[in-house]
Amino acid sequence: MILYIHGFASSSKSNKVTLLKNKFNDIVALDLSTEPNRAIKQLEKFIEKYYTQTNITLMGSSLGGFYAMYLSKKYSLKAILINPAINPDITLVQYKDKKVKNYLKDEFFYFKSHYLDQLKGLRVSEFDSSKVLLLLQTGDEVLDYKAALDFLPESKSIIESSGSHQFENFENYFEIIENFCMKNNDEDKGLKFRITSEEFKKIKKEVKNIQSNFNEIDYESIGEGISYEFLPFEFGTQVKIKYYNNEFILRMAYENDYINY
């Protein structure tokens, strides 16, 4: 079972939930209270009712990712975090004592100042990031994706260049999500990977202003000041492109998904 935890000012009717239900049979999403402590109690009540009967994987987006980390630690559950909020007691200060519109409902709520204190109280430390699949897009206009990487350095991570806070093309990751939910942490070691043609085009676009002749064969060095760095992890691989003082990270293909360029 996947327990989906929606983000700030969202609901159980989000687009991600619709996509998930079209793919997976066992998806649960709750409409959560806007008060953090009450939202956590809702989720704890559900987990405690079902987690002895079935395997539960948490999936949280944005603020939902923050809640998922707290619950993952408390109940030792796997968690899939999508552009997660790491310090929402800081990033949500702008909404303190303000009227906020729910993105998916025609209604408003007040985000009270003491909610920030509740969020601070839900922060986790010494978190086992090996239980996490982290999905990030560098184009997130709301949260800095690097904060999640810094907090969860040992997690299985997919960092895709560009995108948005909503996490574009979410459905492209369903096979990886399914593998993460179903398999043990010690499986799928030693897979081989190759860069896809679309990702290769992105790399060429990024470096075309640095040099005109792009070496398609040499994986170790691509012209002066430009290099690849392959970063393997359990269910996929990243490639980091570095040029001079700049760098960006692209998602790699996963098992047997070889596309020749």
Protein backbone atom coordinates (compact mmCIF):
# COMPACT_ATOMS: atom_id res chain seq x y z
CA MET A 1 0.00 0.00 0.00
CA ILE A 2 1.14 3.53 -0.77
CA LEU A 3 -0.05 6.20 1.64
CA TYR A 4 0.15 9.48 -0.25
CA ILE A 5 0.60 12.62 1.86
CA HIS A 6 -0.32 15.82 0.08
CA GLY A 7 1.49 19.13 0.40
CA PHE A 8 0.67 22.55 1.80
CA ALA A 9 -2.74 23.92 0.69
CA SER A 10 -3.39 20.81 -1.41
CA SER A 11 -5.70 17.82 -1.00
CA SER A 12 -6.24 14.13 -1.66
CA LYS A 13 -7.57 15.02 -5.13
CA SER A 14 -4.24 16.23 -6.46
CA ASN A 15 -3.02 15.36 -9.94
CA LYS A 16 -0.36 13.03 -8.53
CA VAL A 17 -3.00 10.99 -6.72
CA THR A 18 -5.02 10.65 -9.94
CA LEU A 19 -1.95 9.46 -11.84
CA LEU A 20 -1.04 7.01 -9.08
CA LYS A 21 -4.54 5.51 -8.97
CA ASN A 22 -4.39 4.93 -12.73
CA LYS A 23 -1.24 2.85 -12.24
CA PHE A 24 -1.43 1.24 -8.80
CA ASN A 25 -4.29 -0.63 -7.16
CA ASP A 26 -3.54 0.16 -3.53
CA ILE A 27 -3.30 3.94 -3.10
CA VAL A 28 -4.67 5.82 -0.11
CA ALA A 29 -4.75 9.61 0.21
CA LEU A 30 -6.29 11.53 3.10
CA ASP A 31 -7.51 15.12 3.27
CA LEU A 32 -5.32 16.45 6.04
CA SER A 33 -5.94 19.17 8.59
CA THR A 34 -4.14 22.44 7.98
CA GLU A 35 -2.90 22.24 11.58
CA PRO A 36 0.32 20.14 11.54
CA ASN A 37 -0.23 18.25 14.80
CA ARG A 38 -3.75 17.27 13.78
CA ALA A 39 -2.55 16.19 10.33
CA ILE A 40 0.07 13.95 11.94
CA LYS A 41 -2.54 12.43 14.25
CA GLN A 42 -4.73 11.61 11.22
CA LEU A 43 -1.83 9.86 9.53
CA GLU A 44 -0.73 8.03 12.69
CA LYS A 45 -4.26 6.76 13.25
CA PHE A 46 -4.38 5.33 9.73
CA ILE A 47 -0.91 3.76 9.91
CA GLU A 48 -1.56 2.16 13.30
CA LYS A 49 -4.78 0.64 11.97
CA TYR A 50 -3.19 -0.97 8.90
CA TYR A 51 0.59 -1.32 9.15
CA THR A 52 0.48 -4.68 10.97
CA GLN A 53 -1.74 -6.04 8.18
CA THR A 54 0.05 -4.78 5.08
CA ASN A 55 3.30 -3.19 3.97
CA ILE A 56 2.91 0.58 3.83
CA THR A 57 5.17 2.86 1.82
CA LEU A 58 4.82 6.55 2.54
CA MET A 59 4.84 9.03 -0.33
CA GLY A 60 4.92 12.73 0.43
CA SER A 61 5.11 15.82 -1.75
CA SER A 62 6.50 19.12 -0.42
CA LEU A 63 5.12 19.52 3.14
CA GLY A 64 3.83 15.95 2.78
CA GLY A 65 7.44 14.86 2.36
CA PHE A 66 8.29 16.50 5.69
CA TYR A 67 5.44 14.61 7.37
CA ALA A 68 6.58 11.39 5.66
CA MET A 69 10.06 11.72 7.18
CA TYR A 70 8.61 12.06 10.68
CA LEU A 71 6.36 9.02 10.17
CA SER A 72 9.08 6.98 8.46
CA LYS A 73 11.30 7.38 11.51
CA LYS A 74 8.54 6.67 14.01
CA TYR A 75 7.23 3.52 12.28
CA SER A 76 10.36 2.43 10.36
CA LEU A 77 8.60 2.70 7.00
CA LYS A 78 9.97 3.33 3.52
CA ALA A 79 9.31 6.82 2.20
CA ILE A 80 9.24 8.37 -1.27
CA LEU A 81 9.84 12.11 -1.01
CA ILE A 82 8.93 14.38 -3.92
CA ASN A 83 10.53 17.83 -3.77
CA PRO A 84 10.17 17.64 0.03
CA ALA A 85 10.16 20.53 2.48
CA ILE A 86 13.03 20.07 4.93
CA ASN A 87 12.45 23.11 7.18
CA PRO A 88 8.81 24.14 6.66
CA ASP A 89 8.80 26.14 9.90
CA ILE A 90 11.12 28.49 8.00
CA THR A 91 9.84 28.28 4.43
CA LEU A 92 6.21 28.77 5.47
CA VAL A 93 6.84 31.87 7.61
CA GLN A 94 5.53 33.98 4.72
CA TYR A 95 2.01 32.57 5.39
CA LYS A 96 2.04 33.30 9.14
CA ASP A 97 -1.37 34.58 10.31
CA LYS A 98 -2.57 34.92 6.73
CA LYS A 99 -5.55 33.69 4.77
CA VAL A 100 -4.44 31.00 2.32
CA LYS A 101 -6.37 29.51 -0.59
CA ASN A 102 -6.35 25.77 -1.08
CA TYR A 103 -4.93 25.07 -4.55
CA LEU A 104 -7.53 22.42 -5.34
CA LYS A 105 -10.58 23.55 -3.42
CA ASP A 106 -12.61 26.72 -3.60
CA GLU A 107 -11.96 27.52 0.04
CA PHE A 108 -9.56 29.38 2.31
CA PHE A 109 -7.92 28.67 5.66
CA TYR A 110 -5.87 30.66 8.17
CA PHE A 111 -2.30 29.56 8.75
CA LYS A 112 -1.87 30.40 12.43
CA SER A 113 1.47 31.44 13.87
CA HIS A 114 1.66 28.53 16.33
CA TYR A 115 1.56 26.10 13.39
CA LEU A 116 5.18 27.05 12.77
CA ASP A 117 6.10 25.92 16.28
CA GLN A 118 4.29 22.63 15.67
CA LEU A 119 6.26 22.08 12.46
CA LYS A 120 9.52 22.78 14.27
CA GLY A 121 8.56 20.15 16.82
CA LEU A 122 8.11 17.57 14.07
CA ARG A 123 11.64 17.88 12.70
CA VAL A 124 13.61 14.62 12.75
CA SER A 125 17.29 14.06 13.42
CA GLU A 126 19.55 11.06 12.83
CA PHE A 127 17.20 10.00 10.07
CA ASP A 128 17.82 6.66 8.28
CA SER A 129 17.93 7.96 4.72
CA SER A 130 18.53 4.44 3.35
CA LYS A 131 14.76 3.99 3.62
CA VAL A 132 14.18 6.95 1.29
CA LEU A 133 13.72 7.39 -2.44
CA LEU A 134 14.22 11.07 -3.13
CA LEU A 135 12.73 12.62 -6.29
CA LEU A 136 13.95 16.14 -7.00
CA GLN A 137 13.81 18.59 -9.88
CA THR A 138 16.33 21.40 -9.95
CA GLY A 139 13.75 23.78 -11.43
CA ASP A 140 11.71 23.73 -8.19
CA GLU A 141 10.67 27.36 -7.85
CA VAL A 142 9.43 26.99 -4.26
CA LEU A 143 12.12 24.98 -2.45
CA ASP A 144 15.87 24.66 -2.93
CA TYR A 145 16.45 21.04 -3.96
CA LYS A 146 19.95 21.16 -2.44
CA ALA A 147 18.46 21.35 1.07
CA ALA A 148 16.98 17.86 0.63
CA LEU A 149 20.26 16.51 -0.74
CA ASP A 150 22.19 17.96 2.19
CA PHE A 151 19.76 16.49 4.73
CA LEU A 152 19.47 13.06 3.05
CA PRO A 153 22.93 12.40 1.61
CA GLU A 154 22.64 8.59 1.75
CA SER A 155 19.20 8.31 0.16
CA LYS A 156 18.46 6.76 -3.21
CA SER A 157 18.11 9.93 -5.26
CA ILE A 158 16.90 11.02 -8.65
CA ILE A 159 17.74 14.61 -9.44
CA GLU A 160 16.39 15.79 -12.77
CA SER A 161 17.43 19.07 -14.33
CA SER A 162 14.75 21.76 -14.82
CA GLY A 163 11.17 20.76 -13.91
CA SER A 164 9.14 22.51 -11.20
CA HIS A 165 7.87 22.19 -7.63
CA GLN A 166 4.93 20.16 -8.94
CA PHE A 167 7.44 17.61 -10.27
CA GLU A 168 6.77 17.38 -13.98
CA ASN A 169 6.35 14.05 -15.79
CA PHE A 170 5.77 12.28 -12.49
CA GLU A 171 4.38 9.19 -14.25
CA ASN A 172 7.77 8.53 -15.87
CA TYR A 173 9.03 7.30 -12.48
CA PHE A 174 6.34 4.73 -11.72
CA GLU A 175 8.51 1.71 -12.54
CA ILE A 176 11.23 2.96 -10.20
CA ILE A 177 8.60 3.67 -7.52
CA GLU A 178 7.17 0.17 -7.91
CA ASN A 179 10.63 -1.39 -7.57
CA PHE A 180 11.34 0.66 -4.47
CA CYS A 181 8.06 -0.36 -2.83
CA MET A 182 8.36 -4.05 -3.62
CA LYS A 183 12.04 -4.88 -3.18
CA ASN A 184 14.33 -5.16 -0.21
CA ASN A 185 17.10 -2.64 0.33
CA ASP A 186 19.82 -5.20 -0.51
CA GLU A 187 18.45 -6.06 -3.97
CA ASP A 188 19.28 -4.67 -7.41
CA LYS A 189 22.97 -4.15 -6.78
CA GLY A 190 25.48 -3.84 -9.60
CA LEU A 191 23.18 -2.82 -12.44
CA LYS A 192 24.65 -1.28 -15.57
CA PHE A 193 23.43 1.96 -17.08
CA ARG A 194 23.78 4.17 -20.13
CA ILE A 195 22.77 7.71 -20.77
CA THR A 196 19.62 8.20 -22.84
CA SER A 197 19.48 10.15 -26.06
CA GLU A 198 17.25 12.84 -24.54
CA GLU A 199 19.62 13.35 -21.63
CA PHE A 200 22.54 13.54 -24.00
CA LYS A 201 20.75 16.33 -25.89
CA LYS A 202 20.34 18.24 -22.62
CA ILE A 203 24.05 17.96 -21.92
CA LYS A 204 24.95 19.25 -25.37
CA LYS A 205 22.57 22.16 -24.93
CA GLU A 206 24.17 23.11 -21.63
CA VAL A 207 27.71 23.09 -22.95
CA LYS A 208 27.25 24.41 -26.49
CA ASN A 209 28.16 27.92 -25.38
CA ILE A 210 31.45 26.65 -23.96
CA GLN A 211 32.72 24.71 -26.95
CA SER A 212 31.32 23.85 -30.35
CA ASN A 213 32.82 20.37 -30.77
CA PHE A 214 31.25 18.07 -28.19
CA ASN A 215 32.96 14.71 -27.71
CA GLU A 216 30.25 12.00 -27.75
CA ILE A 217 32.62 9.14 -26.96
CA ASP A 218 34.93 10.20 -24.15
CA TYR A 219 32.99 9.71 -20.87
CA GLU A 220 35.82 10.94 -18.65
CA SER A 221 36.51 14.36 -20.13
CA ILE A 222 34.45 16.39 -22.57
CA GLY A 223 36.66 19.21 -23.63
CA GLU A 224 38.56 21.62 -21.46
CA GLY A 225 36.86 22.24 -18.12
CA ILE A 226 33.98 19.81 -18.75
CA SER A 227 33.63 16.33 -17.22
CA TYR A 228 31.17 13.57 -16.34
CA GLU A 229 30.76 12.08 -12.90
CA PHE A 230 28.65 8.91 -12.66
CA LEU A 231 26.84 8.50 -9.32
CA PRO A 232 25.31 5.00 -9.04
CA PHE A 233 22.52 4.15 -6.63
CA GLU A 234 20.21 1.19 -6.16
CA PHE A 235 17.39 1.88 -8.58
CA GLY A 236 19.07 4.18 -11.08
CA THR A 237 22.09 6.29 -11.81
CA GLN A 238 22.84 9.99 -11.94
CA VAL A 239 25.38 11.74 -14.08
CA LYS A 240 26.80 15.04 -12.90
CA ILE A 241 28.10 17.39 -15.57
CA LYS A 242 30.77 19.80 -14.40
CA TYR A 243 32.15 22.66 -16.45
CA TYR A 244 34.39 25.31 -14.99
CA ASN A 245 32.62 26.55 -11.85
CA ASN A 246 29.20 25.24 -12.87
CA GLU A 247 27.53 21.87 -12.52
CA PHE A 248 24.16 20.22 -13.06
CA ILE A 249 22.82 16.72 -12.55
CA LEU A 250 20.80 14.58 -14.96
CA ARG A 251 18.87 11.41 -14.25
CA MET A 252 20.24 8.31 -15.96
CA ALA A 253 18.41 5.36 -17.48
CA TYR A 254 17.75 2.39 -15.24
CA GLU A 255 18.08 -1.38 -15.68
CA ASN A 256 18.16 -2.45 -19.36
CA ASP A 257 16.73 0.87 -20.49
CA TYR A 258 19.46 1.45 -23.07
CA ILE A 259 18.89 4.02 -25.78
CA ASN A 260 21.72 4.51 -28.22
CA TYR A 261 22.60 8.00 -29.42
